[in-house]
Amino acid sequence: MSTITTISRGGLTASIDSMGAQLTSLNLDGREYLWQADPAFWGKHAPVLFPIVGNLRDNAAQSAAGPCRMERHGLARINEHALVGVSDDGSSVTYEFSSSPETRAAYPYDFTLNMTYALTGPASLTQTFAVTNTGEVDLPFSVGGHPAFNIPAPGDEQADETFEDYGFRFAAPWTAACPKIVAGGLADPADTFLTVENSDVLPLSRSLFDYDTMIWDHVPGNTVSLVGTRSGHGIRMDFPGFDFLGVWSAPGAPFVALEPWTGHATYTNEDDVLEHKENITLLAPGATDERSFTITLL
């Protein structure tokens, strides 16, 4: 049975559900920044993505350890995670999800995934993925976050902002052409659409999501802000160690998901061997791979 644990630091609180180790609230001084899972648009908050990000072709793949069968974004989001502990000051919490006969039927590898959520500043949350290979062969995997944020963000209601009053700010001018998401949730690297062209800003619009998800590759400085052009309220995400950022919103929904990924959906020109996927991580037996991203509320 899932349980909710809340951590706090000053006026900042975060709540996490043991089912999926999913962040369910990120609240600063009584203002909720995290999407609250309205099923009319999307009934999730911030799933943990492991051991795949996005889709496999027909939800299946071969691997060195045998056949794999997983739906979009893998196993962590649909399984209970054990509560390892809360820090003495109540500002961080760690969960653990390990391989079992049930997981090995879908993904024939041994692993432990530890998820830590820590309030690391007066308005900042750091989410850490620690993957350990507890087996005897290389572990192929990707990890990713999927937090969605209320847009407009809470804050100065006098600004009376709308979805289109928001925009992305980057650390430097750059150009980003994204692969289109096609049938079966695959990404087509030969069919792209331009989102940013030699600029350090990008206005938010519904048309950005005409092809489902923008997949940005090597965002300058591994940082992006999404803020209201009048209020200045929003969020900043810093994601060193994650080469990709997925950006998604459901049709007409008042949220935007910012998703740091180490990998991505299967490309249309790839085969169906897990170890062959572009940007897959191969982790040696006994080794641990640790990645973190930080959300700062503005």
C-alpha atoms as a PDB file:
ATOM      1  CA  MET A   1       0.000   0.000   0.000  1.00  0.00           C
ATOM      2  CA  SER A   2       1.434   3.337  -1.042  1.00  0.00           C
ATOM      3  CA  THR A   3       2.227   6.069   1.481  1.00  0.00           C
ATOM      4  CA  ILE A   4       2.965   9.779   1.122  1.00  0.00           C
ATOM      5  CA  THR A   5       6.022  11.286   2.826  1.00  0.00           C
ATOM      6  CA  THR A   6       6.432  15.054   3.130  1.00  0.00           C
ATOM      7  CA  ILE A   7       9.785  16.779   3.580  1.00  0.00           C
ATOM      8  CA  SER A   8      10.247  20.457   4.434  1.00  0.00           C
ATOM      9  CA  ARG A   9      12.748  23.265   4.709  1.00  0.00           C
ATOM     10  CA  GLY A  10      11.499  26.671   5.759  1.00  0.00           C
ATOM     11  CA  GLY A  11       8.537  27.562   3.558  1.00  0.00           C
ATOM     12  CA  LEU A  12       9.353  24.851   0.999  1.00  0.00           C
ATOM     13  CA  THR A  13       7.685  21.433   1.163  1.00  0.00           C
ATOM     14  CA  ALA A  14       7.684  18.408  -1.121  1.00  0.00           C
ATOM     15  CA  SER A  15       5.551  15.276  -0.956  1.00  0.00           C
ATOM     16  CA  ILE A  16       6.480  11.933  -2.494  1.00  0.00           C
ATOM     17  CA  ASP A  17       4.335   8.835  -3.064  1.00  0.00           C
ATOM     18  CA  SER A  18       6.002   5.468  -2.454  1.00  0.00           C
ATOM     19  CA  MET A  19       4.080   4.111  -5.472  1.00  0.00           C
ATOM     20  CA  GLY A  20       6.566   4.927  -8.183  1.00  0.00           C
ATOM     21  CA  ALA A  21       8.577   7.195  -5.816  1.00  0.00           C
ATOM     22  CA  GLN A  22       6.695   9.992  -7.561  1.00  0.00           C
ATOM     23  CA  LEU A  23       6.845  13.624  -6.479  1.00  0.00           C
ATOM     24  CA  THR A  24       3.246  14.717  -5.864  1.00  0.00           C
ATOM     25  CA  SER A  25       3.634  18.245  -4.480  1.00  0.00           C
ATOM     26  CA  LEU A  26       6.213  21.025  -4.567  1.00  0.00           C
ATOM     27  CA  ASN A  27       4.911  23.947  -2.552  1.00  0.00           C
ATOM     28  CA  LEU A  28       6.560  27.236  -1.612  1.00  0.00           C
ATOM     29  CA  ASP A  29       4.878  29.427   0.995  1.00  0.00           C
ATOM     30  CA  GLY A  30       1.509  27.855   0.273  1.00  0.00           C
ATOM     31  CA  ARG A  31       1.816  28.094  -3.519  1.00  0.00           C
ATOM     32  CA  GLU A  32       1.674  24.798  -5.433  1.00  0.00           C
ATOM     33  CA  TYR A  33       4.024  24.645  -8.412  1.00  0.00           C
ATOM     34  CA  LEU A  34       3.633  20.962  -9.345  1.00  0.00           C
ATOM     35  CA  TRP A  35       0.831  19.779 -11.616  1.00  0.00           C
ATOM     36  CA  GLN A  36      -1.880  18.139  -9.500  1.00  0.00           C
ATOM     37  CA  ALA A  37      -2.758  15.211 -11.785  1.00  0.00           C
ATOM     38  CA  ASP A  38      -6.148  16.295 -13.096  1.00  0.00           C
ATOM     39  CA  PRO A  39      -7.223  13.190 -15.052  1.00  0.00           C
ATOM     40  CA  ALA A  40      -9.103  15.377 -17.526  1.00  0.00           C
ATOM     41  CA  PHE A  41      -5.664  16.152 -18.985  1.00  0.00           C
ATOM     42  CA  TRP A  42      -3.068  13.810 -17.437  1.00  0.00           C
ATOM     43  CA  GLY A  43      -3.449  11.899 -14.202  1.00  0.00           C
ATOM     44  CA  LYS A  44       0.216  11.918 -13.157  1.00  0.00           C
ATOM     45  CA  HIS A  45       2.526  14.404 -11.449  1.00  0.00           C
ATOM     46  CA  ALA A  46       6.158  13.448 -12.025  1.00  0.00           C
ATOM     47  CA  PRO A  47       6.821   9.776 -12.893  1.00  0.00           C
ATOM     48  CA  VAL A  48      10.268   8.225 -12.478  1.00  0.00           C
ATOM     49  CA  LEU A  49      11.481   6.762 -15.791  1.00  0.00           C
ATOM     50  CA  PHE A  50      13.581   3.571 -15.580  1.00  0.00           C
ATOM     51  CA  PRO A  51      14.958   1.365 -17.144  1.00  0.00           C
ATOM     52  CA  ILE A  52      13.773   2.954 -20.406  1.00  0.00           C
ATOM     53  CA  VAL A  53      12.709   6.425 -21.449  1.00  0.00           C
ATOM     54  CA  GLY A  54       9.922   6.646 -24.000  1.00  0.00           C
ATOM     55  CA  ASN A  55       8.795   3.713 -26.121  1.00  0.00           C
ATOM     56  CA  LEU A  56      10.338   0.521 -27.369  1.00  0.00           C
ATOM     57  CA  ARG A  57       9.092  -0.589 -30.774  1.00  0.00           C
ATOM     58  CA  ASP A  58       5.888  -2.537 -30.061  1.00  0.00           C
ATOM     59  CA  ASN A  59       6.844  -2.361 -26.351  1.00  0.00           C
ATOM     60  CA  ALA A  60       9.452  -5.081 -26.861  1.00  0.00           C
ATOM     61  CA  ALA A  61      13.187  -5.541 -27.358  1.00  0.00           C
ATOM     62  CA  GLN A  62      15.849  -8.211 -27.284  1.00  0.00           C
ATOM     63  CA  SER A  63      18.851  -7.990 -24.992  1.00  0.00           C
ATOM     64  CA  ALA A  64      21.973  -9.893 -24.030  1.00  0.00           C
ATOM     65  CA  ALA A  65      20.032 -11.321 -21.080  1.00  0.00           C
ATOM     66  CA  GLY A  66      16.902 -12.253 -23.025  1.00  0.00           C
ATOM     67  CA  PRO A  67      13.640 -10.693 -24.245  1.00  0.00           C
ATOM     68  CA  CYS A  68      12.314  -7.481 -22.689  1.00  0.00           C
ATOM     69  CA  ARG A  69       8.731  -6.305 -22.691  1.00  0.00           C
ATOM     70  CA  MET A  70       7.909  -2.902 -21.184  1.00  0.00           C
ATOM     71  CA  GLU A  71       5.432  -0.172 -21.912  1.00  0.00           C
ATOM     72  CA  ARG A  72       6.401   3.486 -22.235  1.00  0.00           C
ATOM     73  CA  HIS A  73       8.887   4.732 -19.613  1.00  0.00           C
ATOM     74  CA  GLY A  74       9.493   1.332 -18.033  1.00  0.00           C
ATOM     75  CA  LEU A  75       8.964  -0.239 -14.623  1.00  0.00           C
ATOM     76  CA  ALA A  76       9.832   2.217 -11.841  1.00  0.00           C
ATOM     77  CA  ARG A  77       6.701   4.328 -12.287  1.00  0.00           C
ATOM     78  CA  ILE A  78       4.312   1.365 -11.858  1.00  0.00           C
ATOM     79  CA  ASN A  79       5.903  -0.316  -8.840  1.00  0.00           C
ATOM     80  CA  GLU A  80       6.016   0.331  -5.118  1.00  0.00           C
ATOM     81  CA  HIS A  81       9.322   1.708  -3.791  1.00  0.00           C
ATOM     82  CA  ALA A  82      10.500   0.937  -0.265  1.00  0.00           C
ATOM     83  CA  LEU A  83      11.079   3.899   2.040  1.00  0.00           C
ATOM     84  CA  VAL A  84      14.746   3.744   3.082  1.00  0.00           C
ATOM     85  CA  GLY A  85      14.689   6.742   5.398  1.00  0.00           C
ATOM     86  CA  VAL A  86      14.162  10.426   6.046  1.00  0.00           C
ATOM     87  CA  SER A  87      17.038  12.693   7.081  1.00  0.00           C
ATOM     88  CA  ASP A  88      17.216  13.823  10.699  1.00  0.00           C
ATOM     89  CA  ASP A  89      16.246  17.375   9.761  1.00  0.00           C
ATOM     90  CA  GLY A  90      13.307  16.185   7.643  1.00  0.00           C
ATOM     91  CA  SER A  91      14.582  17.806   4.433  1.00  0.00           C
ATOM     92  CA  SER A  92      15.330  14.683   2.363  1.00  0.00           C
ATOM     93  CA  VAL A  93      13.954  11.197   1.753  1.00  0.00           C
ATOM     94  CA  THR A  94      15.304   8.124  -0.041  1.00  0.00           C
ATOM     95  CA  TYR A  95      13.432   5.209  -1.650  1.00  0.00           C
ATOM     96  CA  GLU A  96      14.600   1.886  -3.059  1.00  0.00           C
ATOM     97  CA  PHE A  97      13.313  -0.261  -5.923  1.00  0.00           C
ATOM     98  CA  SER A  98      15.081  -3.556  -6.644  1.00  0.00           C
ATOM     99  CA  SER A  99      14.781  -6.332  -9.185  1.00  0.00           C
ATOM    100  CA  SER A 100      12.419  -9.206  -8.418  1.00  0.00           C
ATOM    101  CA  PRO A 101      10.994 -12.203 -10.266  1.00  0.00           C
ATOM    102  CA  GLU A 102       8.242  -9.892 -11.553  1.00  0.00           C
ATOM    103  CA  THR A 103      10.643  -7.262 -12.903  1.00  0.00           C
ATOM    104  CA  ARG A 104      12.953  -9.887 -14.406  1.00  0.00           C
ATOM    105  CA  ALA A 105      10.032 -11.259 -16.428  1.00  0.00           C
ATOM    106  CA  ALA A 106       9.843  -7.880 -18.179  1.00  0.00           C
ATOM    107  CA  TYR A 107      13.487  -6.797 -17.949  1.00  0.00           C
ATOM    108  CA  PRO A 108      15.857  -9.726 -17.264  1.00  0.00           C
ATOM    109  CA  TYR A 109      18.476  -7.868 -15.240  1.00  0.00           C
ATOM    110  CA  ASP A 110      19.355  -7.396 -11.574  1.00  0.00           C
ATOM    111  CA  PHE A 111      19.469  -3.836 -10.263  1.00  0.00           C
ATOM    112  CA  THR A 112      18.736  -1.477  -7.401  1.00  0.00           C
ATOM    113  CA  LEU A 113      17.368   2.012  -8.020  1.00  0.00           C
ATOM    114  CA  ASN A 114      17.590   4.506  -5.158  1.00  0.00           C
ATOM    115  CA  MET A 115      15.605   7.733  -5.512  1.00  0.00           C
ATOM    116  CA  THR A 116      16.481  10.631  -3.210  1.00  0.00           C
ATOM    117  CA  TYR A 117      14.547  13.881  -2.966  1.00  0.00           C
ATOM    118  CA  ALA A 118      16.340  16.643  -1.053  1.00  0.00           C
ATOM    119  CA  LEU A 119      15.408  20.257  -0.404  1.00  0.00           C
ATOM    120  CA  THR A 120      18.778  21.820  -1.134  1.00  0.00           C
ATOM    121  CA  GLY A 121      17.922  25.522  -0.908  1.00  0.00           C
ATOM    122  CA  PRO A 122      15.143  27.853   0.206  1.00  0.00           C
ATOM    123  CA  ALA A 123      13.350  27.260  -3.111  1.00  0.00           C
ATOM    124  CA  SER A 124      15.191  24.244  -4.600  1.00  0.00           C
ATOM    125  CA  LEU A 125      14.585  20.492  -4.798  1.00  0.00           C
ATOM    126  CA  THR A 126      17.257  18.072  -6.027  1.00  0.00           C
ATOM    127  CA  GLN A 127      16.131  14.691  -7.359  1.00  0.00           C
ATOM    128  CA  THR A 128      18.848  12.011  -7.488  1.00  0.00           C
ATOM    129  CA  PHE A 129      18.807   8.678  -9.330  1.00  0.00           C
ATOM    130  CA  ALA A 130      21.349   6.080  -8.160  1.00  0.00           C
ATOM    131  CA  VAL A 131      21.330   2.887 -10.240  1.00  0.00           C
ATOM    132  CA  THR A 132      23.429  -0.051  -9.028  1.00  0.00           C
ATOM    133  CA  ASN A 133      24.103  -3.135 -11.133  1.00  0.00           C
ATOM    134  CA  THR A 134      23.599  -6.042  -8.719  1.00  0.00           C
ATOM    135  CA  GLY A 135      23.949  -8.647 -11.477  1.00  0.00           C
ATOM    136  CA  GLU A 136      26.830 -10.325 -13.259  1.00  0.00           C
ATOM    137  CA  VAL A 137      26.464  -8.797 -16.752  1.00  0.00           C
ATOM    138  CA  ASP A 138      26.443  -5.214 -18.010  1.00  0.00           C
ATOM    139  CA  LEU A 139      23.176  -3.411 -17.205  1.00  0.00           C
ATOM    140  CA  PRO A 140      21.634  -1.469 -20.138  1.00  0.00           C
ATOM    141  CA  PHE A 141      19.313   1.322 -19.008  1.00  0.00           C
ATOM    142  CA  SER A 142      18.161   4.917 -19.250  1.00  0.00           C
ATOM    143  CA  VAL A 143      16.758   7.107 -16.480  1.00  0.00           C
ATOM    144  CA  GLY A 144      14.716  10.262 -16.543  1.00  0.00           C
ATOM    145  CA  GLY A 145      12.455  12.600 -14.649  1.00  0.00           C
ATOM    146  CA  HIS A 146       9.000  13.744 -15.764  1.00  0.00           C
ATOM    147  CA  PRO A 147       7.853  16.584 -13.451  1.00  0.00           C
ATOM    148  CA  ALA A 148       5.024  18.737 -14.781  1.00  0.00           C
ATOM    149  CA  PHE A 149       4.503  22.298 -13.584  1.00  0.00           C
ATOM    150  CA  ASN A 150       1.438  24.484 -13.332  1.00  0.00           C
ATOM    151  CA  ILE A 151       1.384  27.096 -16.082  1.00  0.00           C
ATOM    152  CA  PRO A 152       0.616  29.847 -15.246  1.00  0.00           C
ATOM    153  CA  ALA A 153       2.777  29.384 -12.154  1.00  0.00           C
ATOM    154  CA  PRO A 154       1.459  30.517  -8.773  1.00  0.00           C
ATOM    155  CA  GLY A 155       2.623  33.906  -7.660  1.00  0.00           C
ATOM    156  CA  ASP A 156       1.623  37.419  -8.555  1.00  0.00           C
ATOM    157  CA  GLU A 157      -2.019  37.036  -9.532  1.00  0.00           C
ATOM    158  CA  GLN A 158      -2.016  40.704 -10.505  1.00  0.00           C
ATOM    159  CA  ALA A 159      -0.090  39.716 -13.644  1.00  0.00           C
ATOM    160  CA  ASP A 160      -3.150  37.781 -14.903  1.00  0.00           C
ATOM    161  CA  GLU A 161      -0.953  35.658 -17.153  1.00  0.00           C
ATOM    162  CA  THR A 162      -2.001  32.943 -19.585  1.00  0.00           C
ATOM    163  CA  PHE A 163      -0.152  29.914 -20.976  1.00  0.00           C
ATOM    164  CA  GLU A 164       1.106  31.967 -23.923  1.00  0.00           C
ATOM    165  CA  ASP A 165       2.572  34.628 -21.602  1.00  0.00           C
ATOM    166  CA  TYR A 166       5.337  32.177 -20.646  1.00  0.00           C
ATOM    167  CA  GLY A 167       8.626  31.462 -22.341  1.00  0.00           C
ATOM    168  CA  PHE A 168      11.854  29.475 -22.125  1.00  0.00           C
ATOM    169  CA  ARG A 169      15.171  31.132 -21.337  1.00  0.00           C
ATOM    170  CA  PHE A 170      18.483  29.456 -22.186  1.00  0.00           C
ATOM    171  CA  ALA A 171      22.035  30.065 -21.029  1.00  0.00           C
ATOM    172  CA  ALA A 172      23.178  30.962 -24.565  1.00  0.00           C
ATOM    173  CA  PRO A 173      21.763  31.279 -28.087  1.00  0.00           C
ATOM    174  CA  TRP A 174      21.397  27.919 -29.814  1.00  0.00           C
ATOM    175  CA  THR A 175      19.468  26.070 -32.517  1.00  0.00           C
ATOM    176  CA  ALA A 176      17.353  22.979 -31.809  1.00  0.00           C
ATOM    177  CA  ALA A 177      15.707  20.731 -34.386  1.00  0.00           C
ATOM    178  CA  CYS A 178      13.663  17.987 -32.712  1.00  0.00           C
ATOM    179  CA  PRO A 179      12.825  14.542 -34.104  1.00  0.00           C
ATOM    180  CA  LYS A 180       9.108  14.078 -34.654  1.00  0.00           C
ATOM    181  CA  ILE A 181       7.304  11.477 -32.552  1.00  0.00           C
ATOM    182  CA  VAL A 182       5.599   9.103 -34.980  1.00  0.00           C
ATOM    183  CA  ALA A 183       3.403   5.986 -34.845  1.00  0.00           C
ATOM    184  CA  GLY A 184       4.098   3.743 -31.867  1.00  0.00           C
ATOM    185  CA  GLY A 185       5.782   6.553 -29.925  1.00  0.00           C
ATOM    186  CA  LEU A 186       9.065   6.211 -31.800  1.00  0.00           C
ATOM    187  CA  ALA A 187      11.261   9.203 -32.671  1.00  0.00           C
ATOM    188  CA  ASP A 188      12.228   9.834 -36.304  1.00  0.00           C
ATOM    189  CA  PRO A 189      15.669  11.502 -36.532  1.00  0.00           C
ATOM    190  CA  ALA A 190      15.222  11.983 -40.288  1.00  0.00           C
ATOM    191  CA  ASP A 191      12.025  14.022 -39.867  1.00  0.00           C
ATOM    192  CA  THR A 192      12.629  17.008 -37.596  1.00  0.00           C
ATOM    193  CA  PHE A 193      10.999  20.319 -36.738  1.00  0.00           C
ATOM    194  CA  LEU A 194      12.772  23.512 -35.742  1.00  0.00           C
ATOM    195  CA  THR A 195      11.965  24.877 -32.281  1.00  0.00           C
ATOM    196  CA  VAL A 196      14.814  27.281 -31.468  1.00  0.00           C
ATOM    197  CA  GLU A 197      16.911  29.100 -34.072  1.00  0.00           C
ATOM    198  CA  ASN A 198      20.021  30.949 -32.887  1.00  0.00           C
ATOM    199  CA  SER A 199      18.238  32.379 -29.864  1.00  0.00           C
ATOM    200  CA  ASP A 200      18.384  32.248 -26.078  1.00  0.00           C
ATOM    201  CA  VAL A 201      14.595  32.605 -25.711  1.00  0.00           C
ATOM    202  CA  LEU A 202      11.581  30.680 -26.977  1.00  0.00           C
ATOM    203  CA  PRO A 203       7.986  31.840 -26.424  1.00  0.00           C
ATOM    204  CA  LEU A 204       5.677  29.121 -25.130  1.00  0.00           C
ATOM    205  CA  SER A 205       2.894  28.165 -27.532  1.00  0.00           C
ATOM    206  CA  ARG A 206       0.572  25.224 -28.086  1.00  0.00           C
ATOM    207  CA  SER A 207       2.034  24.645 -31.548  1.00  0.00           C
ATOM    208  CA  LEU A 208       5.347  23.568 -29.985  1.00  0.00           C
ATOM    209  CA  PHE A 209       3.583  20.322 -29.046  1.00  0.00           C
ATOM    210  CA  ASP A 210       2.128  19.545 -32.482  1.00  0.00           C
ATOM    211  CA  TYR A 211       4.423  16.496 -32.600  1.00  0.00           C
ATOM    212  CA  ASP A 212       3.788  15.458 -28.994  1.00  0.00           C
ATOM    213  CA  THR A 213       7.154  16.023 -27.287  1.00  0.00           C
ATOM    214  CA  MET A 214      10.099  18.262 -28.025  1.00  0.00           C
ATOM    215  CA  ILE A 215      13.341  16.336 -27.506  1.00  0.00           C
ATOM    216  CA  TRP A 216      16.153  18.822 -26.956  1.00  0.00           C
ATOM    217  CA  ASP A 217      19.686  17.477 -27.286  1.00  0.00           C
ATOM    218  CA  HIS A 218      22.516  19.122 -25.268  1.00  0.00           C
ATOM    219  CA  VAL A 219      20.744  22.237 -24.017  1.00  0.00           C
ATOM    220  CA  PRO A 220      23.330  25.006 -23.416  1.00  0.00           C
ATOM    221  CA  GLY A 221      24.739  24.697 -19.910  1.00  0.00           C
ATOM    222  CA  ASN A 222      22.227  21.936 -19.105  1.00  0.00           C
ATOM    223  CA  THR A 223      19.876  24.551 -17.716  1.00  0.00           C
ATOM    224  CA  VAL A 224      16.567  26.107 -18.749  1.00  0.00           C
ATOM    225  CA  SER A 225      14.039  28.462 -17.161  1.00  0.00           C
ATOM    226  CA  LEU A 226      10.316  28.623 -17.902  1.00  0.00           C
ATOM    227  CA  VAL A 227       8.958  31.938 -16.643  1.00  0.00           C
ATOM    228  CA  GLY A 228       6.125  34.368 -17.081  1.00  0.00           C
ATOM    229  CA  THR A 229       7.128  37.333 -19.195  1.00  0.00           C
ATOM    230  CA  ARG A 230       5.246  39.738 -16.911  1.00  0.00           C
ATOM    231  CA  SER A 231       5.419  38.172 -13.448  1.00  0.00           C
ATOM    232  CA  GLY A 232       8.856  36.535 -13.667  1.00  0.00           C
ATOM    233  CA  HIS A 233       7.391  33.549 -11.795  1.00  0.00           C
ATOM    234  CA  GLY A 234       8.101  30.012 -12.924  1.00  0.00           C
ATOM    235  CA  ILE A 235      10.818  27.420 -12.529  1.00  0.00           C
ATOM    236  CA  ARG A 236      14.465  26.839 -13.414  1.00  0.00           C
ATOM    237  CA  MET A 237      15.818  23.359 -14.033  1.00  0.00           C
ATOM    238  CA  ASP A 238      19.515  22.474 -13.882  1.00  0.00           C
ATOM    239  CA  PHE A 239      20.329  18.995 -15.165  1.00  0.00           C
ATOM    240  CA  PRO A 240      24.060  18.208 -15.459  1.00  0.00           C
ATOM    241  CA  GLY A 241      24.625  14.649 -16.600  1.00  0.00           C
ATOM    242  CA  PHE A 242      21.406  14.485 -18.622  1.00  0.00           C
ATOM    243  CA  ASP A 243      22.056  14.974 -22.347  1.00  0.00           C
ATOM    244  CA  PHE A 244      18.376  15.275 -23.288  1.00  0.00           C
ATOM    245  CA  LEU A 245      15.432  17.325 -22.127  1.00  0.00           C
ATOM    246  CA  GLY A 246      11.926  16.250 -23.101  1.00  0.00           C
ATOM    247  CA  VAL A 247       9.349  19.045 -23.062  1.00  0.00           C
ATOM    248  CA  TRP A 248       5.682  18.091 -23.217  1.00  0.00           C
ATOM    249  CA  SER A 249       2.151  19.299 -22.569  1.00  0.00           C
ATOM    250  CA  ALA A 250      -1.210  17.655 -23.181  1.00  0.00           C
ATOM    251  CA  PRO A 251      -3.637  19.400 -25.572  1.00  0.00           C
ATOM    252  CA  GLY A 252      -5.170  22.400 -23.838  1.00  0.00           C
ATOM    253  CA  ALA A 253      -3.636  21.494 -20.467  1.00  0.00           C
ATOM    254  CA  PRO A 254      -2.410  24.165 -18.011  1.00  0.00           C
ATOM    255  CA  PHE A 255       0.983  22.518 -17.437  1.00  0.00           C
ATOM    256  CA  VAL A 256       4.358  21.918 -19.034  1.00  0.00           C
ATOM    257  CA  ALA A 257       6.541  18.903 -18.222  1.00  0.00           C
ATOM    258  CA  LEU A 258      10.315  19.401 -18.203  1.00  0.00           C
ATOM    259  CA  GLU A 259      11.964  15.979 -18.390  1.00  0.00           C
ATOM    260  CA  PRO A 260      15.737  15.431 -18.008  1.00  0.00           C
ATOM    261  CA  TRP A 261      16.671  12.157 -19.727  1.00  0.00           C
ATOM    262  CA  THR A 262      19.839  10.128 -20.243  1.00  0.00           C
ATOM    263  CA  GLY A 263      18.221   8.368 -23.219  1.00  0.00           C
ATOM    264  CA  HIS A 264      15.089   8.626 -25.336  1.00  0.00           C
ATOM    265  CA  ALA A 265      12.448   6.684 -27.251  1.00  0.00           C
ATOM    266  CA  THR A 266      13.641   4.178 -29.834  1.00  0.00           C
ATOM    267  CA  TYR A 267      14.623   5.852 -33.100  1.00  0.00           C
ATOM    268  CA  THR A 268      12.870   4.654 -36.251  1.00  0.00           C
ATOM    269  CA  ASN A 269      16.256   3.731 -37.782  1.00  0.00           C
ATOM    270  CA  GLU A 270      17.374   1.610 -34.807  1.00  0.00           C
ATOM    271  CA  ASP A 271      17.099  -2.140 -34.395  1.00  0.00           C
ATOM    272  CA  ASP A 272      15.342  -3.724 -31.415  1.00  0.00           C
ATOM    273  CA  VAL A 273      18.344  -4.771 -29.317  1.00  0.00           C
ATOM    274  CA  LEU A 274      18.393  -2.876 -26.033  1.00  0.00           C
ATOM    275  CA  GLU A 275      22.188  -2.632 -25.904  1.00  0.00           C
ATOM    276  CA  HIS A 276      22.197  -1.097 -29.403  1.00  0.00           C
ATOM    277  CA  LYS A 277      19.931   1.836 -28.516  1.00  0.00           C
ATOM    278  CA  GLU A 278      21.585   5.185 -29.040  1.00  0.00           C
ATOM    279  CA  ASN A 279      22.609   6.823 -25.759  1.00  0.00           C
ATOM    280  CA  ILE A 280      21.870   3.737 -23.648  1.00  0.00           C
ATOM    281  CA  THR A 281      23.994   3.489 -20.492  1.00  0.00           C
ATOM    282  CA  LEU A 282      25.883   0.212 -19.999  1.00  0.00           C
ATOM    283  CA  LEU A 283      26.758  -0.220 -16.311  1.00  0.00           C
ATOM    284  CA  ALA A 284      29.369  -2.783 -15.227  1.00  0.00           C
ATOM    285  CA  PRO A 285      28.534  -5.379 -12.545  1.00  0.00           C
ATOM    286  CA  GLY A 286      28.843  -3.890  -9.055  1.00  0.00           C
ATOM    287  CA  ALA A 287      29.014  -0.306 -10.331  1.00  0.00           C
ATOM    288  CA  THR A 288      26.656   2.569  -9.448  1.00  0.00           C
ATOM    289  CA  ASP A 289      25.576   5.378 -11.774  1.00  0.00           C
ATOM    290  CA  GLU A 290      24.320   8.542 -10.040  1.00  0.00           C
ATOM    291  CA  ARG A 291      22.615  11.521 -11.704  1.00  0.00           C
ATOM    292  CA  SER A 292      20.804  14.540 -10.241  1.00  0.00           C
ATOM    293  CA  PHE A 293      18.742  17.457 -11.446  1.00  0.00           C
ATOM    294  CA  THR A 294      17.558  20.470  -9.473  1.00  0.00           C
ATOM    295  CA  ILE A 295      14.272  22.349  -9.676  1.00  0.00           C
ATOM    296  CA  THR A 296      14.319  25.941  -8.408  1.00  0.00           C
ATOM    297  CA  LEU A 297      11.041  27.795  -7.939  1.00  0.00           C
ATOM    298  CA  LEU A 298      11.066  31.395  -9.115  1.00  0.00           C
END
